[in-house]
C-alpha atoms as a PDB file:
ATOM      1  CA  MET A   1      15.186   1.774  17.489  1.00  0.00           C
ATOM      2  CA  LEU A   2      15.132   3.649  14.196  1.00  0.00           C
ATOM      3  CA  ALA A   3      12.371   6.258  13.842  1.00  0.00           C
ATOM      4  CA  ARG A   4      11.330   4.708  10.518  1.00  0.00           C
ATOM      5  CA  ASP A   5      10.950   1.334  12.214  1.00  0.00           C
ATOM      6  CA  VAL A   6       8.740   2.859  14.897  1.00  0.00           C
ATOM      7  CA  GLU A   7       6.457   4.070  12.094  1.00  0.00           C
ATOM      8  CA  VAL A   8       6.391   0.575  10.603  1.00  0.00           C
ATOM      9  CA  PHE A   9       5.473  -0.937  13.980  1.00  0.00           C
ATOM     10  CA  VAL A  10       2.686   1.630  14.373  1.00  0.00           C
ATOM     11  CA  GLU A  11       1.363   0.653  10.955  1.00  0.00           C
ATOM     12  CA  MET A  12       1.448  -3.001  12.050  1.00  0.00           C
ATOM     13  CA  ILE A  13      -0.640  -2.117  15.106  1.00  0.00           C
ATOM     14  CA  GLN A  14      -3.107  -0.312  12.863  1.00  0.00           C
ATOM     15  CA  CYS A  15      -3.361  -3.470  10.742  1.00  0.00           C
ATOM     16  CA  CYS A  16      -3.988  -5.456  13.922  1.00  0.00           C
ATOM     17  CA  ASP A  17      -6.779  -3.000  14.721  1.00  0.00           C
ATOM     18  CA  ASP A  18      -8.124  -3.523  11.187  1.00  0.00           C
ATOM     19  CA  VAL A  19      -8.236  -7.301  11.688  1.00  0.00           C
ATOM     20  CA  ALA A  20     -10.149  -6.961  14.958  1.00  0.00           C
ATOM     21  CA  GLY A  21     -12.465  -4.336  13.486  1.00  0.00           C
ATOM     22  CA  LYS A  22     -13.287  -6.448  10.454  1.00  0.00           C
ATOM     23  CA  ILE A  23     -14.009  -9.504  12.569  1.00  0.00           C
ATOM     24  CA  GLU A  24     -16.377  -7.402  14.655  1.00  0.00           C
ATOM     25  CA  ARG A  25     -17.965  -5.558  11.733  1.00  0.00           C
ATOM     26  CA  PHE A  26     -18.682  -8.756   9.813  1.00  0.00           C
ATOM     27  CA  SER A  27     -19.705 -10.588  13.022  1.00  0.00           C
ATOM     28  CA  LEU A  28     -17.293 -13.390  12.203  1.00  0.00           C
ATOM     29  CA  ASP A  29     -16.757 -16.401  14.393  1.00  0.00           C
ATOM     30  CA  GLY A  30     -15.050 -19.729  13.855  1.00  0.00           C
ATOM     31  CA  SER A  31     -18.063 -21.174  12.067  1.00  0.00           C
ATOM     32  CA  SER A  32     -18.965 -18.200   9.836  1.00  0.00           C
ATOM     33  CA  TRP A  33     -15.330 -17.417   8.936  1.00  0.00           C
ATOM     34  CA  PRO A  34     -14.963 -20.101   6.233  1.00  0.00           C
ATOM     35  CA  LEU A  35     -18.367 -19.277   4.710  1.00  0.00           C
ATOM     36  CA  ASP A  36     -18.068 -15.537   4.090  1.00  0.00           C
ATOM     37  CA  ARG A  37     -15.438 -15.178   1.377  1.00  0.00           C
ATOM     38  CA  TYR A  38     -15.691 -11.379   1.138  1.00  0.00           C
ATOM     39  CA  ALA A  39     -15.217 -10.821   4.860  1.00  0.00           C
ATOM     40  CA  ARG A  40     -12.520 -13.496   5.029  1.00  0.00           C
ATOM     41  CA  ASP A  41     -10.579 -11.964   2.139  1.00  0.00           C
ATOM     42  CA  SER A  42     -10.749  -8.586   3.817  1.00  0.00           C
ATOM     43  CA  VAL A  43      -9.234 -10.017   7.009  1.00  0.00           C
ATOM     44  CA  LEU A  44      -6.624 -11.934   5.020  1.00  0.00           C
ATOM     45  CA  LEU A  45      -5.581  -8.732   3.264  1.00  0.00           C
ATOM     46  CA  SER A  46      -4.864  -7.114   6.643  1.00  0.00           C
ATOM     47  CA  LEU A  47      -2.961 -10.222   7.760  1.00  0.00           C
ATOM     48  CA  SER A  48      -0.843 -10.102   4.611  1.00  0.00           C
ATOM     49  CA  ARG A  49      -0.133  -6.393   5.152  1.00  0.00           C
ATOM     50  CA  ILE A  50       1.253  -7.182   8.610  1.00  0.00           C
ATOM     51  CA  GLY A  51       3.616  -9.739   7.091  1.00  0.00           C
ATOM     52  CA  GLU A  52       4.647  -7.350   4.329  1.00  0.00           C
ATOM     53  CA  LEU A  53       5.497  -4.669   6.870  1.00  0.00           C
ATOM     54  CA  VAL A  54       8.091  -6.974   8.465  1.00  0.00           C
ATOM     55  CA  SER A  55      10.130  -6.495   5.278  1.00  0.00           C
ATOM     56  CA  HIS A  56      10.031  -2.732   5.785  1.00  0.00           C
ATOM     57  CA  VAL A  57      11.799  -2.824   9.152  1.00  0.00           C
ATOM     58  CA  GLU A  58      15.296  -1.541   8.404  1.00  0.00           C
ATOM     59  CA  GLY A  59      17.187  -2.275  11.602  1.00  0.00           C
ATOM     60  CA  PRO A  60      17.545  -5.869  12.786  1.00  0.00           C
ATOM     61  CA  GLU A  61      17.875  -4.494  16.309  1.00  0.00           C
ATOM     62  CA  SER A  62      14.326  -3.175  15.965  1.00  0.00           C
ATOM     63  CA  LEU A  63      12.991  -6.687  15.402  1.00  0.00           C
ATOM     64  CA  GLU A  64      15.198  -7.964  18.225  1.00  0.00           C
ATOM     65  CA  ALA A  65      13.465  -5.505  20.560  1.00  0.00           C
ATOM     66  CA  PHE A  66      10.491  -7.903  20.416  1.00  0.00           C
ATOM     67  CA  PRO A  67      12.035 -11.338  21.027  1.00  0.00           C
ATOM     68  CA  GLY A  68       8.671 -12.986  21.654  1.00  0.00           C
ATOM     69  CA  ILE A  69       7.399 -12.265  18.154  1.00  0.00           C
ATOM     70  CA  PRO A  70       8.139 -15.014  15.608  1.00  0.00           C
ATOM     71  CA  TRP A  71       8.984 -12.612  12.775  1.00  0.00           C
ATOM     72  CA  ARG A  72       9.737 -15.369  10.253  1.00  0.00           C
ATOM     73  CA  LEU A  73       6.290 -16.868  10.803  1.00  0.00           C
ATOM     74  CA  VAL A  74       4.589 -13.464  10.553  1.00  0.00           C
ATOM     75  CA  LYS A  75       6.305 -12.828   7.237  1.00  0.00           C
ATOM     76  CA  GLY A  76       5.649 -16.421   6.168  1.00  0.00           C
ATOM     77  CA  MET A  77       1.904 -15.989   6.692  1.00  0.00           C
ATOM     78  CA  ARG A  78       1.975 -13.101   4.223  1.00  0.00           C
ATOM     79  CA  ASN A  79       3.827 -15.184   1.669  1.00  0.00           C
ATOM     80  CA  PHE A  80       1.401 -18.048   2.090  1.00  0.00           C
ATOM     81  CA  ILE A  81      -1.659 -15.796   1.696  1.00  0.00           C
ATOM     82  CA  VAL A  82      -0.266 -14.052  -1.368  1.00  0.00           C
ATOM     83  CA  HIS A  83       1.385 -16.961  -3.170  1.00  0.00           C
ATOM     84  CA  ASP A  84      -0.665 -20.007  -2.150  1.00  0.00           C
ATOM     85  CA  TYR A  85      -4.098 -18.517  -1.525  1.00  0.00           C
ATOM     86  CA  LYS A  86      -6.064 -21.557  -2.691  1.00  0.00           C
ATOM     87  CA  ASN A  87      -4.354 -23.790  -0.138  1.00  0.00           C
ATOM     88  CA  ILE A  88      -4.757 -21.599   2.933  1.00  0.00           C
ATOM     89  CA  ASP A  89      -5.655 -23.559   6.029  1.00  0.00           C
ATOM     90  CA  LEU A  90      -8.658 -21.494   7.127  1.00  0.00           C
ATOM     91  CA  ASP A  91      -8.498 -22.812  10.697  1.00  0.00           C
ATOM     92  CA  MET A  92      -4.865 -21.749  10.968  1.00  0.00           C
ATOM     93  CA  ALA A  93      -5.669 -18.337   9.470  1.00  0.00           C
ATOM     94  CA  TRP A  94      -8.532 -17.914  11.966  1.00  0.00           C
ATOM     95  CA  VAL A  95      -6.147 -18.659  14.840  1.00  0.00           C
ATOM     96  CA  SER A  96      -3.722 -16.110  13.420  1.00  0.00           C
ATOM     97  CA  ALA A  97      -6.466 -13.476  13.172  1.00  0.00           C
ATOM     98  CA  THR A  98      -7.990 -14.081  16.603  1.00  0.00           C
ATOM     99  CA  ILE A  99      -5.036 -15.153  18.761  1.00  0.00           C
ATOM    100  CA  ASP A 100      -1.735 -14.284  17.085  1.00  0.00           C
ATOM    101  CA  VAL A 101      -2.706 -10.804  15.886  1.00  0.00           C
ATOM    102  CA  PRO A 102      -3.935  -9.604  19.307  1.00  0.00           C
ATOM    103  CA  ALA A 103      -0.743 -11.031  20.871  1.00  0.00           C
ATOM    104  CA  LEU A 104       1.354  -9.203  18.259  1.00  0.00           C
ATOM    105  CA  ARG A 105      -0.484  -5.970  19.064  1.00  0.00           C
ATOM    106  CA  VAL A 106       0.152  -6.343  22.799  1.00  0.00           C
ATOM    107  CA  SER A 107       3.838  -7.095  22.185  1.00  0.00           C
ATOM    108  CA  LEU A 108       4.325  -4.076  19.942  1.00  0.00           C
ATOM    109  CA  LEU A 109       2.528  -1.806  22.398  1.00  0.00           C
ATOM    110  CA  SER A 110       4.886  -2.984  25.145  1.00  0.00           C
ATOM    111  CA  SER A 111       7.478  -0.605  23.679  1.00  0.00           C
ATOM    112  CA  GLU A 112       6.948   2.820  25.204  1.00  0.00           C
ATOM    113  CA  THR A 113       8.303   4.483  22.051  1.00  0.00           C
ATOM    114  CA  VAL A 114       5.969   2.581  19.740  1.00  0.00           C
ATOM    115  CA  ARG A 115       2.993   3.025  22.076  1.00  0.00           C
ATOM    116  CA  ALA A 116       3.538   6.806  22.335  1.00  0.00           C
ATOM    117  CA  GLN A 117       3.710   7.178  18.540  1.00  0.00           C
ATOM    118  CA  TYR A 118       0.621   4.988  18.076  1.00  0.00           C
ATOM    119  CA  GLU A 119      -1.363   6.991  20.630  1.00  0.00           C
ATOM    120  CA  MET A 120      -0.301  10.279  19.047  1.00  0.00           C
ATOM    121  CA  GLU A 121      -1.339   9.143  15.565  1.00  0.00           C
ATOM    122  CA  LYS A 122      -4.569   7.614  16.817  1.00  0.00           C
ATOM    123  CA  ASP A 123      -5.535  10.842  18.591  1.00  0.00           C
ATOM    124  CA  TYR A 124      -4.654  12.922  15.536  1.00  0.00           C
ATOM    125  CA  VAL A 125      -6.790  10.775  13.248  1.00  0.00           C
ATOM    126  CA  ALA A 126      -9.679  10.775  15.734  1.00  0.00           C
ATOM    127  CA  GLU A 127      -9.631  14.582  15.997  1.00  0.00           C
ATOM    128  CA  ASP A 128      -9.459  14.948  12.215  1.00  0.00           C
ATOM    129  CA  LEU A 129     -12.320  12.496  11.748  1.00  0.00           C
ATOM    130  CA  GLU A 130     -14.485  14.334  14.269  1.00  0.00           C
ATOM    131  CA  GLN A 131     -13.923  17.598  12.388  1.00  0.00           C
ATOM    132  CA  VAL A 132     -14.777  16.025   9.027  1.00  0.00           C
ATOM    133  CA  MET A 133     -17.931  14.421  10.415  1.00  0.00           C
ATOM    134  CA  ALA A 134     -19.042  17.722  11.983  1.00  0.00           C
ATOM    135  CA  GLU A 135     -18.552  19.499   8.643  1.00  0.00           C
ATOM    136  CA  LEU A 136     -20.543  16.827   6.816  1.00  0.00           C
ATOM    137  CA  GLU A 137     -23.410  17.061   9.297  1.00  0.00           C
ATOM    138  CA  SER A 138     -23.570  20.849   8.930  1.00  0.00           C
ATOM    139  CA  MET A 139     -23.842  20.693   5.143  1.00  0.00           C
ATOM    140  CA  PRO A 140     -27.308  21.445   3.756  1.00  0.00           C
ATOM    141  CA  GLU A 141     -29.177  18.553   2.230  1.00  0.00           C
ATOM    142  CA  GLU A 142     -29.745  18.718  -1.490  1.00  0.00           C
END
């Protein structure tokens, strides 16, 4: 698998994390999902980013490393969100966000190479964030 493709897969996992985090942050469920346009659009943006990232995978063998992922459908969801937004089937999009995205995340993390890179980046960001937060807390109030 190409190193660049590993980075793309890691970014996809981060988008999957974004989808789950937004659903949690906005306390979305199947009934509130269609009613909260701002939260819904935020989730849809992350879904479209996942589909866009499929186009950034350079080696076809990298996609073939995950035979259980329907790459055409993942990319198709992005195209549908971006080009036919007004006709999005919100029930289908909810299923994508709550079932398909977690399954995609699990599949991508099944690659030891992708998982190791994801964990390394996640730890790096977490350490950096902790340092920034500590610096902010130590700043005098104005």
